[in-house]
């Protein structure tokens, strides 16, 4: 089963219930070599689901030791597809290494997804 690292709204119980029809259980971890910013959300369904008009987004950092705290979830392929449908075009799903040594999918800034560490 694929792993997904979340640093934002996918950690919210109401978002998980709306997208996956269940509350996820996960492990704390950190994404290494990235920094956070905010992105404006205009999709009314995503705003209604998360309750927010701005979501966090991650980009590669100039500081390779920077870390972002979050949660790693084990999803089915179908649930991963549902997460893809939830994320707006500003995000792209990429594989990334975590502080724990695990590799997980993570949604990063689509404009610079190929510049990852």
N, C-alpha and C. Protein backbone atom coordinates (compact mmCIF):
# COMPACT_ATOMS: atom_id res chain seq x y z
N UNK A 1 0.84 -1.18 0.00
CA UNK A 1 0.00 0.00 0.00
C UNK A 1 0.88 1.25 0.00
N UNK A 2 0.51 2.24 -0.78
CA UNK A 2 1.34 3.45 -0.87
C UNK A 2 1.28 4.29 0.41
N UNK A 3 2.37 5.01 0.65
CA UNK A 3 2.44 5.95 1.76
C UNK A 3 2.24 7.36 1.22
N UNK A 4 1.53 8.17 1.98
CA UNK A 4 1.31 9.57 1.63
C UNK A 4 1.69 10.43 2.83
N UNK A 5 2.58 11.40 2.61
CA UNK A 5 2.97 12.34 3.65
C UNK A 5 2.10 13.59 3.52
N UNK A 6 1.45 13.98 4.61
CA UNK A 6 0.64 15.18 4.62
C UNK A 6 1.17 16.18 5.63
N UNK A 7 1.24 17.42 5.20
CA UNK A 7 1.66 18.53 6.05
C UNK A 7 0.55 19.56 6.18
N UNK A 8 -0.61 19.29 5.57
CA UNK A 8 -1.68 20.29 5.52
C UNK A 8 -3.05 19.71 5.79
N UNK A 9 -4.01 20.08 4.94
CA UNK A 9 -5.42 19.80 5.20
C UNK A 9 -5.77 18.32 5.18
N UNK A 10 -4.96 17.48 4.56
CA UNK A 10 -5.26 16.05 4.58
C UNK A 10 -5.09 15.45 5.98
N UNK A 11 -4.57 16.24 6.91
CA UNK A 11 -4.48 15.81 8.31
C UNK A 11 -5.75 16.11 9.08
N UNK A 12 -6.63 16.95 8.50
CA UNK A 12 -7.88 17.32 9.18
C UNK A 12 -8.89 16.18 9.09
N UNK A 13 -9.50 15.85 10.24
CA UNK A 13 -10.46 14.75 10.28
C UNK A 13 -11.62 14.96 9.30
N UNK A 14 -12.17 16.17 9.24
CA UNK A 14 -13.31 16.41 8.35
C UNK A 14 -12.92 16.25 6.88
N UNK A 15 -11.69 16.58 6.53
CA UNK A 15 -11.22 16.39 5.15
C UNK A 15 -11.06 14.90 4.87
N UNK A 16 -10.47 14.16 5.80
CA UNK A 16 -10.31 12.73 5.62
C UNK A 16 -11.66 12.04 5.44
N UNK A 17 -12.63 12.40 6.27
CA UNK A 17 -13.95 11.78 6.15
C UNK A 17 -14.60 12.11 4.82
N UNK A 18 -14.44 13.33 4.35
CA UNK A 18 -15.03 13.74 3.07
C UNK A 18 -14.36 13.05 1.88
N UNK A 19 -13.07 12.83 1.95
CA UNK A 19 -12.33 12.26 0.82
C UNK A 19 -12.26 10.74 0.87
N UNK A 20 -11.97 10.20 2.04
CA UNK A 20 -11.70 8.77 2.17
C UNK A 20 -12.82 7.98 2.85
N UNK A 21 -13.82 8.67 3.35
CA UNK A 21 -14.92 8.04 4.09
C UNK A 21 -14.44 7.33 5.35
N UNK A 22 -13.31 7.77 5.87
CA UNK A 22 -12.79 7.21 7.12
C UNK A 22 -11.75 8.16 7.70
N UNK A 23 -11.52 8.01 8.99
CA UNK A 23 -10.44 8.76 9.63
C UNK A 23 -9.17 7.94 9.49
N UNK A 24 -8.11 8.59 9.02
CA UNK A 24 -6.84 7.90 8.82
C UNK A 24 -6.03 7.86 10.10
N UNK A 25 -5.25 6.81 10.24
CA UNK A 25 -4.28 6.73 11.33
C UNK A 25 -2.91 6.79 10.69
N UNK A 26 -2.04 7.61 11.26
CA UNK A 26 -0.73 7.77 10.66
C UNK A 26 0.36 7.94 11.69
N UNK A 27 1.57 8.10 11.20
CA UNK A 27 2.76 8.27 12.02
C UNK A 27 3.37 9.64 11.74
N UNK A 28 3.85 10.28 12.80
CA UNK A 28 4.54 11.56 12.63
C UNK A 28 5.86 11.32 11.90
N UNK A 29 6.21 12.25 11.03
CA UNK A 29 7.47 12.18 10.29
C UNK A 29 7.79 13.59 9.83
N UNK A 30 8.89 13.74 9.10
CA UNK A 30 9.28 15.04 8.59
C UNK A 30 9.76 14.91 7.15
N UNK A 31 9.41 15.91 6.36
CA UNK A 31 9.86 16.03 4.98
C UNK A 31 11.13 16.87 5.01
N UNK A 32 12.20 16.35 4.44
CA UNK A 32 13.51 16.99 4.54
C UNK A 32 13.82 17.74 3.23
N UNK A 33 14.37 18.96 3.38
CA UNK A 33 14.83 19.72 2.22
C UNK A 33 13.75 20.56 1.56
N UNK A 34 12.65 20.78 2.23
CA UNK A 34 11.55 21.59 1.69
C UNK A 34 11.19 22.70 2.66
N UNK A 35 10.50 23.73 2.14
CA UNK A 35 9.98 24.81 2.96
C UNK A 35 8.52 25.04 2.59
N UNK A 36 7.76 25.63 3.52
CA UNK A 36 6.33 25.85 3.31
C UNK A 36 6.05 27.27 2.84
N UNK A 37 4.96 27.39 2.08
CA UNK A 37 4.40 28.67 1.68
C UNK A 37 2.89 28.49 1.67
N UNK A 38 2.16 29.53 1.30
CA UNK A 38 0.71 29.45 1.20
C UNK A 38 0.29 29.59 -0.25
N UNK A 39 -0.83 28.93 -0.59
CA UNK A 39 -1.40 29.03 -1.93
C UNK A 39 -2.88 29.36 -1.77
N UNK A 40 -3.36 30.25 -2.61
CA UNK A 40 -4.77 30.63 -2.59
C UNK A 40 -5.60 29.54 -3.26
N UNK A 41 -6.65 29.11 -2.60
CA UNK A 41 -7.55 28.08 -3.13
C UNK A 41 -8.82 28.76 -3.61
N UNK A 42 -9.19 28.48 -4.85
CA UNK A 42 -10.40 29.07 -5.42
C UNK A 42 -11.49 28.05 -5.71
N UNK A 43 -11.16 26.78 -5.66
CA UNK A 43 -12.14 25.73 -5.92
C UNK A 43 -13.14 25.68 -4.77
N UNK A 44 -14.43 25.95 -5.04
CA UNK A 44 -15.41 26.01 -3.95
C UNK A 44 -15.60 24.68 -3.22
N UNK A 45 -15.42 23.57 -3.90
CA UNK A 45 -15.57 22.26 -3.24
C UNK A 45 -14.42 22.04 -2.25
N UNK A 46 -13.21 22.38 -2.65
CA UNK A 46 -12.05 22.23 -1.77
C UNK A 46 -12.18 23.18 -0.57
N UNK A 47 -12.63 24.40 -0.81
CA UNK A 47 -12.82 25.36 0.29
C UNK A 47 -13.89 24.83 1.25
N UNK A 48 -14.97 24.33 0.72
CA UNK A 48 -16.04 23.79 1.58
C UNK A 48 -15.55 22.59 2.38
N UNK A 49 -14.71 21.76 1.78
CA UNK A 49 -14.21 20.56 2.46
C UNK A 49 -13.22 20.92 3.56
N UNK A 50 -12.29 21.83 3.27
CA UNK A 50 -11.23 22.16 4.23
C UNK A 50 -11.60 23.31 5.17
N UNK A 51 -12.54 24.16 4.72
CA UNK A 51 -12.88 25.34 5.51
C UNK A 51 -11.85 26.45 5.38
N UNK A 52 -10.98 26.36 4.38
CA UNK A 52 -9.89 27.33 4.24
C UNK A 52 -9.75 27.80 2.79
N UNK A 53 -9.43 29.09 2.63
CA UNK A 53 -9.18 29.63 1.29
C UNK A 53 -7.69 29.66 0.97
N UNK A 54 -6.86 29.41 1.96
CA UNK A 54 -5.42 29.29 1.75
C UNK A 54 -4.96 27.96 2.34
N UNK A 55 -4.17 27.25 1.57
CA UNK A 55 -3.60 25.99 2.04
C UNK A 55 -2.08 26.12 2.01
N UNK A 56 -1.42 25.29 2.81
CA UNK A 56 0.04 25.26 2.75
C UNK A 56 0.47 24.47 1.53
N UNK A 57 1.64 24.82 1.04
CA UNK A 57 2.24 24.13 -0.10
C UNK A 57 3.73 24.08 0.18
N UNK A 58 4.43 23.09 -0.36
CA UNK A 58 5.87 22.98 -0.11
C UNK A 58 6.64 23.10 -1.41
N UNK A 59 7.85 23.64 -1.24
CA UNK A 59 8.79 23.84 -2.35
C UNK A 59 10.17 23.42 -1.85
N UNK A 60 11.05 23.02 -2.76
CA UNK A 60 12.41 22.73 -2.32
C UNK A 60 13.03 23.95 -1.65
N UNK A 61 13.80 23.70 -0.61
CA UNK A 61 14.43 24.76 0.16
C UNK A 61 15.89 24.91 -0.24
N UNK A 62 16.41 26.12 -0.11
CA UNK A 62 17.84 26.35 -0.32
C UNK A 62 18.65 25.70 0.80
N UNK A 63 18.00 25.45 1.92
CA UNK A 63 18.64 24.81 3.08
C UNK A 63 18.28 23.33 3.07
N UNK A 64 19.21 22.46 2.68
CA UNK A 64 18.89 21.03 2.60
C UNK A 64 18.54 20.38 3.93
N UNK A 65 18.80 21.07 5.05
CA UNK A 65 18.47 20.50 6.35
C UNK A 65 17.10 20.96 6.86
N UNK A 66 16.41 21.83 6.11
CA UNK A 66 15.10 22.29 6.57
C UNK A 66 14.13 21.11 6.58
N UNK A 67 13.18 21.18 7.51
CA UNK A 67 12.24 20.07 7.69
C UNK A 67 10.83 20.60 7.88
N UNK A 68 9.87 19.82 7.42
CA UNK A 68 8.46 20.12 7.59
C UNK A 68 7.83 18.95 8.33
N UNK A 69 7.19 19.26 9.44
CA UNK A 69 6.52 18.22 10.22
C UNK A 69 5.19 17.85 9.57
N UNK A 70 4.85 16.59 9.66
CA UNK A 70 3.59 16.13 9.11
C UNK A 70 3.30 14.70 9.55
N UNK A 71 2.40 14.08 8.81
CA UNK A 71 1.95 12.73 9.14
C UNK A 71 2.00 11.86 7.90
N UNK A 72 2.45 10.62 8.08
CA UNK A 72 2.49 9.64 6.99
C UNK A 72 1.31 8.70 7.16
N UNK A 73 0.56 8.53 6.07
CA UNK A 73 -0.61 7.65 6.07
C UNK A 73 -0.41 6.55 5.05
N UNK A 74 -0.92 5.38 5.37
CA UNK A 74 -0.95 4.27 4.43
C UNK A 74 -2.33 4.27 3.78
N UNK A 75 -2.35 4.38 2.45
CA UNK A 75 -3.60 4.46 1.70
C UNK A 75 -3.69 3.32 0.70
N UNK A 76 -4.89 3.05 0.26
CA UNK A 76 -5.06 2.15 -0.87
C UNK A 76 -4.81 2.94 -2.15
N UNK A 77 -4.66 2.26 -3.27
CA UNK A 77 -4.50 2.96 -4.55
C UNK A 77 -5.73 3.81 -4.85
N UNK A 78 -6.91 3.31 -4.52
CA UNK A 78 -8.14 4.06 -4.76
C UNK A 78 -8.17 5.33 -3.91
N UNK A 79 -7.72 5.24 -2.66
CA UNK A 79 -7.69 6.42 -1.80
C UNK A 79 -6.66 7.43 -2.28
N UNK A 80 -5.53 6.94 -2.78
CA UNK A 80 -4.52 7.85 -3.34
C UNK A 80 -5.10 8.60 -4.54
N UNK A 81 -5.87 7.91 -5.34
CA UNK A 81 -6.54 8.56 -6.48
C UNK A 81 -7.53 9.62 -6.00
N UNK A 82 -8.24 9.33 -4.92
CA UNK A 82 -9.18 10.32 -4.35
C UNK A 82 -8.43 11.55 -3.86
N UNK A 83 -7.26 11.34 -3.25
CA UNK A 83 -6.44 12.47 -2.80
C UNK A 83 -6.00 13.31 -3.99
N UNK A 84 -5.64 12.65 -5.09
CA UNK A 84 -5.26 13.38 -6.31
C UNK A 84 -6.41 14.26 -6.80
N UNK A 85 -7.62 13.75 -6.73
CA UNK A 85 -8.79 14.51 -7.18
C UNK A 85 -9.06 15.71 -6.26
N UNK A 86 -8.76 15.58 -4.99
CA UNK A 86 -8.96 16.66 -4.02
C UNK A 86 -7.99 17.81 -4.26
N UNK A 87 -6.74 17.49 -4.55
CA UNK A 87 -5.71 18.52 -4.68
C UNK A 87 -5.93 19.33 -5.96
N UNK A 88 -5.81 20.65 -5.84
CA UNK A 88 -6.00 21.53 -6.99
C UNK A 88 -4.75 21.52 -7.87
N UNK A 89 -4.84 22.18 -9.03
CA UNK A 89 -3.76 22.15 -10.02
C UNK A 89 -2.44 22.74 -9.51
N UNK A 90 -2.47 23.49 -8.43
CA UNK A 90 -1.24 24.06 -7.88
C UNK A 90 -0.30 23.00 -7.31
N UNK A 91 -0.84 21.79 -7.07
CA UNK A 91 -0.07 20.71 -6.46
C UNK A 91 0.24 19.61 -7.47
N UNK A 92 1.41 19.00 -7.28
CA UNK A 92 1.79 17.82 -8.05
C UNK A 92 2.29 16.78 -7.05
N UNK A 93 1.88 15.54 -7.25
CA UNK A 93 2.31 14.46 -6.35
C UNK A 93 3.64 13.91 -6.82
N UNK A 94 4.63 13.89 -5.91
CA UNK A 94 5.96 13.36 -6.21
C UNK A 94 6.40 12.44 -5.08
N UNK A 95 7.34 11.58 -5.35
CA UNK A 95 7.94 10.73 -4.32
C UNK A 95 9.03 11.53 -3.62
N UNK A 96 9.09 11.40 -2.30
CA UNK A 96 10.10 12.13 -1.52
C UNK A 96 10.57 11.27 -0.37
N UNK A 97 11.80 11.52 0.05
CA UNK A 97 12.37 10.82 1.20
C UNK A 97 12.03 11.58 2.47
N UNK A 98 11.70 10.84 3.52
CA UNK A 98 11.35 11.43 4.80
C UNK A 98 12.48 11.22 5.80
N UNK A 99 12.41 11.95 6.90
CA UNK A 99 13.45 11.86 7.93
C UNK A 99 13.59 10.45 8.47
N UNK A 100 12.51 9.69 8.49
CA UNK A 100 12.53 8.32 9.00
C UNK A 100 13.25 7.35 8.07
N UNK A 101 13.54 7.80 6.84
CA UNK A 101 14.15 6.92 5.85
C UNK A 101 13.14 6.31 4.90
N UNK A 102 11.86 6.48 5.19
CA UNK A 102 10.82 5.98 4.30
C UNK A 102 10.65 6.91 3.10
N UNK A 103 10.14 6.35 2.03
CA UNK A 103 9.77 7.15 0.87
C UNK A 103 8.25 7.20 0.80
N UNK A 104 7.71 8.39 0.54
CA UNK A 104 6.27 8.56 0.50
C UNK A 104 5.91 9.55 -0.60
N UNK A 105 4.67 9.47 -1.05
CA UNK A 105 4.15 10.48 -1.96
C UNK A 105 3.91 11.75 -1.15
N UNK A 106 4.11 12.89 -1.78
CA UNK A 106 3.84 14.18 -1.15
C UNK A 106 3.39 15.14 -2.25
N UNK A 107 2.48 16.04 -1.91
CA UNK A 107 2.02 17.04 -2.86
C UNK A 107 2.87 18.30 -2.69
N UNK A 108 3.53 18.69 -3.79
CA UNK A 108 4.43 19.85 -3.79
C UNK A 108 3.93 20.88 -4.80
N UNK A 109 4.55 22.03 -4.78
CA UNK A 109 4.22 23.10 -5.72
C UNK A 109 4.45 22.61 -7.14
N UNK A 110 3.39 22.55 -7.93
CA UNK A 110 3.47 22.00 -9.29
C UNK A 110 4.39 22.80 -10.19
N UNK A 111 4.57 24.09 -9.91
CA UNK A 111 5.41 24.93 -10.76
C UNK A 111 6.88 24.57 -10.65
N UNK A 112 7.27 24.00 -9.52
CA UNK A 112 8.69 23.69 -9.33
C UNK A 112 8.90 22.27 -8.82
N UNK A 113 7.97 21.39 -9.14
CA UNK A 113 8.03 20.01 -8.66
C UNK A 113 9.29 19.29 -9.13
N UNK A 114 9.78 19.64 -10.30
CA UNK A 114 10.96 18.94 -10.82
C UNK A 114 12.27 19.44 -10.22
N UNK A 115 12.20 20.47 -9.40
CA UNK A 115 13.40 21.03 -8.77
C UNK A 115 13.60 20.49 -7.36
N UNK A 116 12.97 19.36 -7.07
CA UNK A 116 13.02 18.83 -5.70
C UNK A 116 14.42 18.33 -5.36
N UNK A 117 14.69 18.25 -4.04
CA UNK A 117 16.00 17.79 -3.59
C UNK A 117 16.24 16.32 -3.92
